[in-house]
Protein backbone atom coordinates (compact mmCIF):
# COMPACT_ATOMS: atom_id res chain seq x y z
CA UNK A 1 0.00 0.00 0.00
CA UNK A 2 3.08 2.24 0.20
CA UNK A 3 5.37 3.05 -2.72
CA UNK A 4 8.67 2.25 -1.00
CA UNK A 5 8.13 0.17 2.14
CA UNK A 6 10.66 0.49 4.95
CA UNK A 7 11.78 -3.05 5.81
CA UNK A 8 12.10 -2.06 9.48
CA UNK A 9 8.49 -0.92 9.79
CA UNK A 10 5.14 -2.67 9.76
CA UNK A 11 3.19 -1.94 6.57
CA UNK A 12 -0.40 -2.64 5.54
CA UNK A 13 0.03 -5.09 2.67
CA UNK A 14 -3.59 -6.11 1.98
CA UNK A 15 -7.19 -5.10 2.65
CA UNK A 16 -9.78 -7.35 1.04
CA UNK A 17 -13.43 -8.36 1.36
CA UNK A 18 -13.96 -11.55 3.38
CA UNK A 19 -16.56 -13.52 5.32
CA UNK A 20 -17.56 -12.80 8.90
CA UNK A 21 -15.59 -14.55 11.64
CA UNK A 22 -17.27 -17.63 13.10
CA UNK A 23 -20.18 -16.64 15.32
CA UNK A 24 -20.36 -13.08 13.99
CA UNK A 25 -23.11 -11.61 11.82
CA UNK A 26 -23.00 -9.32 8.84
CA UNK A 27 -21.63 -9.31 5.35
CA UNK A 28 -19.49 -6.18 5.44
CA UNK A 29 -16.25 -7.73 6.69
CA UNK A 30 -12.72 -7.09 5.50
CA UNK A 31 -9.45 -8.87 6.17
CA UNK A 32 -6.35 -6.75 6.56
CA UNK A 33 -2.74 -7.83 6.73
CA UNK A 34 0.08 -5.90 8.37
CA UNK A 35 3.57 -7.20 7.71
CA UNK A 36 7.20 -6.57 8.61
CA UNK A 37 9.47 -9.08 6.95
CA UNK A 38 8.36 -12.54 8.09
CA UNK A 39 6.15 -11.11 10.88
CA UNK A 40 2.49 -11.05 9.86
CA UNK A 41 -0.61 -9.71 11.60
CA UNK A 42 -3.80 -11.00 9.94
CA UNK A 43 -7.09 -9.49 11.19
CA UNK A 44 -10.74 -9.07 10.28
CA UNK A 45 -12.86 -5.99 10.87
CA UNK A 46 -16.42 -4.99 10.07
CA UNK A 47 -16.97 -1.75 8.16
CA UNK A 48 -16.45 -0.12 4.82
CA UNK A 49 -13.30 -0.58 2.77
CA UNK A 50 -12.33 3.00 3.62
CA UNK A 51 -12.79 2.70 7.40
CA UNK A 52 -11.04 -0.68 7.59
CA UNK A 53 -8.13 0.61 5.49
CA UNK A 54 -7.82 3.65 7.76
CA UNK A 55 -8.00 1.41 10.84
CA UNK A 56 -5.28 -0.90 9.51
CA UNK A 57 -3.00 2.07 8.78
CA UNK A 58 -3.60 3.38 12.29
CA UNK A 59 -2.75 0.01 13.84
CA UNK A 60 0.47 -0.22 11.79
CA UNK A 61 1.43 3.31 12.85
CA UNK A 62 0.77 2.49 16.52
CA UNK A 63 2.86 -0.68 16.36
CA UNK A 64 5.69 1.21 14.67
CA UNK A 65 5.61 3.97 17.29
CA UNK A 66 5.85 1.38 20.08
CA UNK A 67 8.68 -0.35 18.23
CA UNK A 68 10.66 2.92 18.00
CA UNK A 69 10.17 3.61 21.73
CA UNK A 70 11.23 0.10 22.67
CA UNK A 71 7.86 -1.52 23.33
CA UNK A 72 5.42 -1.29 26.22
CA UNK A 73 6.62 -0.40 29.68
C-alpha atoms as a PDB file:
ATOM      1  CA  UNK A   1       0.000   0.000   0.000  1.00  0.00           C
ATOM      2  CA  UNK A   2       3.077   2.242   0.196  1.00  0.00           C
ATOM      3  CA  UNK A   3       5.369   3.049  -2.724  1.00  0.00           C
ATOM      4  CA  UNK A   4       8.675   2.246  -1.003  1.00  0.00           C
ATOM      5  CA  UNK A   5       8.130   0.165   2.138  1.00  0.00           C
ATOM      6  CA  UNK A   6      10.662   0.487   4.948  1.00  0.00           C
ATOM      7  CA  UNK A   7      11.777  -3.048   5.810  1.00  0.00           C
ATOM      8  CA  UNK A   8      12.095  -2.064   9.483  1.00  0.00           C
ATOM      9  CA  UNK A   9       8.490  -0.922   9.792  1.00  0.00           C
ATOM     10  CA  UNK A  10       5.138  -2.673   9.760  1.00  0.00           C
ATOM     11  CA  UNK A  11       3.195  -1.944   6.570  1.00  0.00           C
ATOM     12  CA  UNK A  12      -0.398  -2.644   5.537  1.00  0.00           C
ATOM     13  CA  UNK A  13       0.028  -5.088   2.669  1.00  0.00           C
ATOM     14  CA  UNK A  14      -3.585  -6.107   1.980  1.00  0.00           C
ATOM     15  CA  UNK A  15      -7.187  -5.103   2.650  1.00  0.00           C
ATOM     16  CA  UNK A  16      -9.782  -7.354   1.040  1.00  0.00           C
ATOM     17  CA  UNK A  17     -13.434  -8.362   1.364  1.00  0.00           C
ATOM     18  CA  UNK A  18     -13.957 -11.552   3.383  1.00  0.00           C
ATOM     19  CA  UNK A  19     -16.560 -13.516   5.317  1.00  0.00           C
ATOM     20  CA  UNK A  20     -17.563 -12.804   8.897  1.00  0.00           C
ATOM     21  CA  UNK A  21     -15.590 -14.554  11.637  1.00  0.00           C
ATOM     22  CA  UNK A  22     -17.269 -17.633  13.096  1.00  0.00           C
ATOM     23  CA  UNK A  23     -20.176 -16.645  15.321  1.00  0.00           C
ATOM     24  CA  UNK A  24     -20.364 -13.076  13.994  1.00  0.00           C
ATOM     25  CA  UNK A  25     -23.107 -11.608  11.820  1.00  0.00           C
ATOM     26  CA  UNK A  26     -23.003  -9.320   8.839  1.00  0.00           C
ATOM     27  CA  UNK A  27     -21.634  -9.315   5.347  1.00  0.00           C
ATOM     28  CA  UNK A  28     -19.491  -6.180   5.441  1.00  0.00           C
ATOM     29  CA  UNK A  29     -16.249  -7.733   6.689  1.00  0.00           C
ATOM     30  CA  UNK A  30     -12.716  -7.091   5.501  1.00  0.00           C
ATOM     31  CA  UNK A  31      -9.451  -8.868   6.172  1.00  0.00           C
ATOM     32  CA  UNK A  32      -6.353  -6.746   6.564  1.00  0.00           C
ATOM     33  CA  UNK A  33      -2.735  -7.828   6.725  1.00  0.00           C
ATOM     34  CA  UNK A  34       0.084  -5.899   8.370  1.00  0.00           C
ATOM     35  CA  UNK A  35       3.574  -7.204   7.711  1.00  0.00           C
ATOM     36  CA  UNK A  36       7.196  -6.566   8.615  1.00  0.00           C
ATOM     37  CA  UNK A  37       9.469  -9.084   6.951  1.00  0.00           C
ATOM     38  CA  UNK A  38       8.359 -12.541   8.091  1.00  0.00           C
ATOM     39  CA  UNK A  39       6.153 -11.112  10.881  1.00  0.00           C
ATOM     40  CA  UNK A  40       2.491 -11.055   9.862  1.00  0.00           C
ATOM     41  CA  UNK A  41      -0.607  -9.705  11.599  1.00  0.00           C
ATOM     42  CA  UNK A  42      -3.796 -10.997   9.941  1.00  0.00           C
ATOM     43  CA  UNK A  43      -7.090  -9.492  11.189  1.00  0.00           C
ATOM     44  CA  UNK A  44     -10.739  -9.075  10.284  1.00  0.00           C
ATOM     45  CA  UNK A  45     -12.863  -5.989  10.874  1.00  0.00           C
ATOM     46  CA  UNK A  46     -16.419  -4.985  10.069  1.00  0.00           C
ATOM     47  CA  UNK A  47     -16.973  -1.752   8.156  1.00  0.00           C
ATOM     48  CA  UNK A  48     -16.452  -0.116   4.816  1.00  0.00           C
ATOM     49  CA  UNK A  49     -13.296  -0.582   2.772  1.00  0.00           C
ATOM     50  CA  UNK A  50     -12.328   3.004   3.622  1.00  0.00           C
ATOM     51  CA  UNK A  51     -12.795   2.696   7.396  1.00  0.00           C
ATOM     52  CA  UNK A  52     -11.045  -0.683   7.588  1.00  0.00           C
ATOM     53  CA  UNK A  53      -8.128   0.613   5.491  1.00  0.00           C
ATOM     54  CA  UNK A  54      -7.819   3.650   7.763  1.00  0.00           C
ATOM     55  CA  UNK A  55      -8.000   1.412  10.842  1.00  0.00           C
ATOM     56  CA  UNK A  56      -5.280  -0.903   9.507  1.00  0.00           C
ATOM     57  CA  UNK A  57      -2.999   2.068   8.778  1.00  0.00           C
ATOM     58  CA  UNK A  58      -3.600   3.385  12.289  1.00  0.00           C
ATOM     59  CA  UNK A  59      -2.745   0.007  13.838  1.00  0.00           C
ATOM     60  CA  UNK A  60       0.467  -0.221  11.792  1.00  0.00           C
ATOM     61  CA  UNK A  61       1.427   3.305  12.853  1.00  0.00           C
ATOM     62  CA  UNK A  62       0.765   2.490  16.519  1.00  0.00           C
ATOM     63  CA  UNK A  63       2.859  -0.683  16.364  1.00  0.00           C
ATOM     64  CA  UNK A  64       5.695   1.214  14.671  1.00  0.00           C
ATOM     65  CA  UNK A  65       5.612   3.975  17.289  1.00  0.00           C
ATOM     66  CA  UNK A  66       5.854   1.382  20.076  1.00  0.00           C
ATOM     67  CA  UNK A  67       8.684  -0.354  18.232  1.00  0.00           C
ATOM     68  CA  UNK A  68      10.663   2.921  17.999  1.00  0.00           C
ATOM     69  CA  UNK A  69      10.174   3.607  21.727  1.00  0.00           C
ATOM     70  CA  UNK A  70      11.230   0.105  22.672  1.00  0.00           C
ATOM     71  CA  UNK A  71       7.858  -1.517  23.334  1.00  0.00           C
ATOM     72  CA  UNK A  72       5.416  -1.291  26.222  1.00  0.00           C
ATOM     73  CA  UNK A  73       6.616  -0.399  29.679  1.00  0.00           C
END
